[in-house]
Protein backbone atom coordinates (compact mmCIF):
# COMPACT_ATOMS: atom_id res chain seq x y z
CA MET A 1 0.00 0.00 0.00
CA PRO A 2 1.53 3.37 -1.00
CA GLU A 3 1.94 6.21 1.46
CA PHE A 4 -0.93 8.55 0.77
CA THR A 5 -0.42 12.29 0.76
CA PRO A 6 -2.54 14.69 2.87
CA THR A 7 -4.43 15.56 -0.32
CA ASP A 8 -5.27 11.88 -0.84
CA TRP A 9 -6.60 11.60 2.71
CA GLN A 10 -8.68 14.72 2.10
CA ALA A 11 -10.09 13.09 -1.04
CA MET A 12 -11.08 9.98 0.95
CA LEU A 13 -12.69 12.06 3.69
CA LEU A 14 -14.52 14.23 1.17
CA SER A 15 -15.81 11.16 -0.68
CA ALA A 16 -17.34 9.82 2.54
CA GLN A 17 -18.71 13.26 3.45
CA VAL A 18 -20.29 13.73 0.03
CA ALA A 19 -21.79 10.23 -0.03
CA VAL A 20 -23.30 10.52 3.46
CA THR A 21 -24.68 14.02 2.85
CA ALA A 22 -26.13 13.15 -0.56
CA THR A 23 -27.81 10.02 0.81
CA LEU A 24 -29.34 11.76 3.84
CA LEU A 25 -30.61 14.70 1.78
CA ALA A 26 -32.07 12.46 -0.92
CA LEU A 27 -33.85 10.03 1.45
CA PRO A 28 -37.02 12.07 2.14
CA PHE A 29 -37.39 13.04 -1.52
CA GLY A 30 -36.76 9.45 -2.59
CA PHE A 31 -39.40 8.16 -0.18
CA VAL A 32 -41.99 10.66 -1.43
CA ALA A 33 -41.22 9.86 -5.08
CA ALA A 34 -41.48 6.11 -4.43
CA TYR A 35 -44.75 6.59 -2.54
CA LEU A 36 -46.25 8.60 -5.40
CA LEU A 37 -45.20 5.96 -7.94
CA ALA A 38 -46.35 3.00 -5.85
CA PHE A 39 -49.62 4.15 -4.28
CA THR A 40 -51.11 7.06 -6.22
CA ARG A 41 -52.75 7.63 -9.57
CA LEU A 42 -50.64 10.66 -10.31
CA PRO A 43 -51.49 12.46 -13.57
CA GLY A 44 -48.57 12.00 -15.92
CA LYS A 45 -47.23 9.19 -13.75
CA SER A 46 -45.32 7.58 -16.62
CA LEU A 47 -43.63 10.89 -17.42
CA PHE A 48 -42.74 11.39 -13.75
CA ASP A 49 -41.32 7.87 -13.60
CA GLY A 50 -39.27 8.55 -16.72
CA ILE A 51 -37.86 11.80 -15.30
CA VAL A 52 -36.92 10.10 -12.03
CA ASN A 53 -35.07 7.32 -13.88
CA LEU A 54 -33.54 9.57 -16.55
CA PRO A 55 -30.14 9.90 -14.80
CA LEU A 56 -29.76 6.11 -15.08
CA VAL A 57 -29.68 6.21 -18.88
CA LEU A 58 -28.04 9.60 -19.46
CA PRO A 59 -24.23 9.81 -19.51
CA PRO A 60 -23.09 11.33 -16.20
CA VAL A 61 -21.26 14.06 -18.14
CA VAL A 62 -24.59 15.12 -19.66
CA VAL A 63 -26.17 15.20 -16.19
CA GLY A 64 -23.27 17.32 -14.95
CA TYR A 65 -23.54 19.75 -17.86
CA LEU A 66 -27.30 20.18 -17.35
CA LEU A 67 -26.71 20.84 -13.66
CA LEU A 68 -24.02 23.34 -14.59
CA LEU A 69 -26.47 25.20 -16.83
CA LEU A 70 -29.08 25.18 -14.09
CA PHE A 71 -26.89 26.08 -11.13
CA GLY A 72 -24.26 28.17 -12.91
CA ASN A 73 -24.00 31.92 -12.37
CA HIS A 74 -26.34 32.55 -15.30
CA GLY A 75 -28.69 29.67 -14.51
CA TRP A 76 -32.07 30.25 -12.88
CA LEU A 77 -31.31 28.35 -9.69
CA GLY A 78 -27.71 29.52 -9.69
CA HIS A 79 -28.83 33.14 -9.80
CA LEU A 80 -31.31 32.48 -6.98
CA PHE A 81 -28.70 30.88 -4.71
CA LYS A 82 -26.20 33.62 -5.56
CA SER A 83 -28.70 36.25 -4.43
CA LEU A 84 -28.88 34.38 -1.12
CA GLY A 85 -25.09 34.37 -0.85
CA ILE A 86 -24.78 30.63 -1.48
CA GLN A 87 -22.15 29.35 -3.91
CA ILE A 88 -22.87 25.93 -5.42
CA ILE A 89 -20.67 25.51 -8.49
CA PHE A 90 -17.09 24.35 -7.86
CA THR A 91 -17.67 23.66 -4.17
CA TRP A 92 -18.18 20.41 -2.29
CA LYS A 93 -21.92 21.20 -2.34
CA ALA A 94 -21.83 20.72 -6.11
CA ALA A 95 -20.32 17.27 -5.60
CA VAL A 96 -23.19 16.46 -3.22
CA LEU A 97 -25.71 17.71 -5.78
CA ALA A 98 -24.18 15.58 -8.55
CA SER A 99 -24.22 12.48 -6.34
CA MET A 100 -27.83 13.12 -5.33
CA VAL A 101 -29.04 13.36 -8.92
CA VAL A 102 -27.07 10.39 -10.24
CA GLY A 103 -27.87 8.09 -7.30
CA PHE A 104 -31.50 9.16 -6.84
CA PRO A 105 -33.03 6.63 -9.29
CA LEU A 106 -31.40 3.72 -7.45
CA LEU A 107 -32.83 4.96 -4.17
CA VAL A 108 -36.33 5.42 -5.56
CA ARG A 109 -36.41 2.08 -7.42
CA SER A 110 -35.37 0.16 -4.31
CA ILE A 111 -37.93 1.85 -2.05
CA ARG A 112 -40.66 1.52 -4.67
CA LEU A 113 -40.04 -2.21 -5.06
CA GLY A 114 -40.31 -2.62 -1.29
CA MET A 115 -43.56 -0.66 -1.18
CA GLU A 116 -45.09 -2.64 -4.02
CA GLN A 117 -44.47 -5.85 -2.07
CA ILE A 118 -46.63 -4.67 0.84
CA ASP A 119 -49.84 -6.68 1.08
CA GLU A 120 -52.63 -4.42 -0.22
CA LYS A 121 -55.07 -6.07 2.21
CA LEU A 122 -53.23 -4.40 5.10
CA ILE A 123 -53.63 -0.98 3.53
CA GLN A 124 -57.28 -1.63 2.65
CA ALA A 125 -57.97 -2.83 6.20
CA SER A 126 -56.51 0.36 7.67
CA ARG A 127 -58.68 2.46 5.37
CA THR A 128 -61.75 0.39 6.22
CA LEU A 129 -61.10 1.08 9.90
CA GLY A 130 -61.09 4.79 9.18
CA ALA A 131 -57.36 5.46 9.34
CA HIS A 132 -56.16 8.65 7.68
CA TRP A 133 -53.56 8.40 4.93
CA TYR A 134 -50.83 9.57 7.29
CA ASP A 135 -51.81 6.94 9.88
CA THR A 136 -51.49 4.26 7.22
CA LEU A 137 -48.19 5.77 6.11
CA PHE A 138 -46.56 5.75 9.55
CA SER A 139 -48.10 2.57 10.96
CA ILE A 140 -47.96 0.27 7.91
CA ILE A 141 -46.10 1.59 4.87
CA LEU A 142 -43.07 3.10 6.58
CA PRO A 143 -42.31 0.14 8.91
CA LEU A 144 -42.80 -2.44 6.14
CA SER A 145 -40.62 -0.40 3.78
CA GLY A 146 -37.74 -0.18 6.25
CA ARG A 147 -35.70 -2.91 4.60
CA ALA A 148 -36.12 -1.37 1.14
CA ILE A 149 -35.27 2.11 2.42
CA PHE A 150 -32.07 0.85 3.99
CA ALA A 151 -31.13 -1.12 0.87
CA GLY A 152 -31.79 1.89 -1.36
CA ALA A 153 -29.78 4.20 0.88
CA THR A 154 -26.88 1.75 0.80
CA LEU A 155 -26.96 1.53 -3.00
CA MET A 156 -27.03 5.31 -3.30
CA PHE A 157 -24.17 5.69 -0.82
CA ALA A 158 -22.04 3.22 -2.78
CA ARG A 159 -22.94 4.93 -6.07
CA SER A 160 -22.02 8.32 -4.61
CA LEU A 161 -18.60 7.04 -3.60
CA GLY A 162 -17.85 6.26 -7.24
CA GLU A 163 -19.43 9.29 -8.92
CA PHE A 164 -17.09 10.91 -11.43
CA GLY A 165 -18.62 12.28 -14.64
CA ALA A 166 -21.21 14.69 -13.25
CA THR A 167 -18.95 15.73 -10.37
CA ILE A 168 -16.00 16.80 -12.51
CA ILE A 169 -18.28 18.98 -14.65
CA ILE A 170 -20.20 20.79 -11.92
CA ALA A 171 -17.68 20.69 -9.04
CA GLY A 172 -14.36 20.58 -10.86
CA ASN A 173 -11.28 18.74 -9.69
CA ILE A 174 -9.85 21.01 -7.00
CA PRO A 175 -7.52 19.18 -4.57
CA GLY A 176 -8.62 19.64 -0.99
CA VAL A 177 -11.89 21.29 -2.04
CA THR A 178 -13.87 19.14 -4.48
CA GLN A 179 -11.48 16.30 -5.31
CA THR A 180 -12.99 12.94 -4.37
CA ILE A 181 -11.36 9.51 -4.73
CA PRO A 182 -12.40 8.99 -8.41
CA LEU A 183 -11.11 12.46 -9.32
CA ALA A 184 -7.83 11.83 -7.49
CA ILE A 185 -7.42 8.55 -9.39
CA TYR A 186 -8.04 10.42 -12.64
CA ASP A 187 -5.31 12.90 -11.71
CA TYR A 188 -2.80 10.16 -10.95
CA THR A 189 -3.53 8.24 -14.16
CA SER A 190 -2.72 11.36 -16.19
CA THR A 191 0.46 12.07 -14.19
CA PRO A 192 3.77 10.37 -15.14
CA GLY A 193 4.69 7.85 -12.45
CA GLY A 194 1.32 8.13 -10.76
CA ASP A 195 0.20 4.56 -11.48
CA ARG A 196 1.21 3.27 -8.06
CA MET A 197 -0.81 5.93 -6.22
CA ALA A 198 -3.75 5.46 -8.57
CA LEU A 199 -3.71 1.72 -7.86
CA GLY A 200 -3.61 2.40 -4.13
CA LEU A 201 -6.66 4.66 -4.32
CA CYS A 202 -8.41 2.09 -6.51
CA LEU A 203 -7.82 -0.49 -3.80
CA VAL A 204 -9.23 1.88 -1.17
CA SER A 205 -12.28 2.47 -3.35
CA VAL A 206 -12.83 -1.28 -3.82
CA LEU A 207 -12.47 -1.93 -0.08
CA LEU A 208 -14.90 0.86 0.78
CA ALA A 209 -17.52 -0.33 -1.69
CA LEU A 210 -17.11 -3.97 -0.62
CA SER A 211 -17.37 -2.99 3.05
CA VAL A 212 -20.58 -1.08 2.42
CA LEU A 213 -22.12 -4.03 0.56
CA LEU A 214 -21.08 -6.54 3.24
CA ILE A 215 -22.42 -4.33 6.03
CA ASN A 216 -25.63 -3.89 4.07
CA ASP A 217 -26.01 -7.64 3.60
CA GLY A 218 -25.31 -8.34 7.27
CA LEU A 219 -27.75 -5.73 8.55
CA LEU A 220 -30.48 -6.83 6.15
CA LYS A 221 -30.12 -10.44 7.31
CA ARG A 222 -30.30 -9.27 10.91
CA PHE A 223 -33.37 -7.20 10.06
CA ASP A 224 -35.07 -10.21 8.45
CA HIS A 225 -34.17 -12.39 11.44
CA LYS A 226 -35.81 -9.95 13.86
CA ARG A 227 -38.93 -9.74 11.69
CA GLN A 228 -39.29 -13.54 11.71
CA ARG A 229 -39.07 -13.78 15.48
């Protein structure tokens, strides 16, 4: 294992910070989107579903460029945030935004699949007994979707750790500021003699992703075990 520089350690820390922040911020929106797709007859539901899943089929560079147009200094949202004194582009917040958009479809799809597996008789029974929609949500849907929510959050976290294309467009590759592990690897691969450091960061990335998946698998098995008791 090579000796990592302070900048490399900052890239590792920033990757974790971006992934955690993006996942936590996206969770409530992902839950609402999954709920609308699973349980409502939303007008234009197919279009909404397509928009939610669009980042899965678009090249990440395209996603990053569209975000740059939207949140840039001349973009509508960029101008709005600028008037509030908030800088998005070329900050770590932009990296969070890129990870949120790219990983959001995975989060929504996982939660939606979990919701669609809930026995409809339970929901109908709660409505028959006069429960309001929010009572059904918090007493039936949310508890029974717990496994899917956790699985979706894990997938999004892992996806955020590896986000590159959208991040480099909207956040740039600024060491110590916006440089995550994938961006640091990109730097080393384009630097003479940087192969050894790039390989070391690749190994760190693999270990992090594998750890997340193993922890996810272990916790889900424990969750299922408790449910069966």
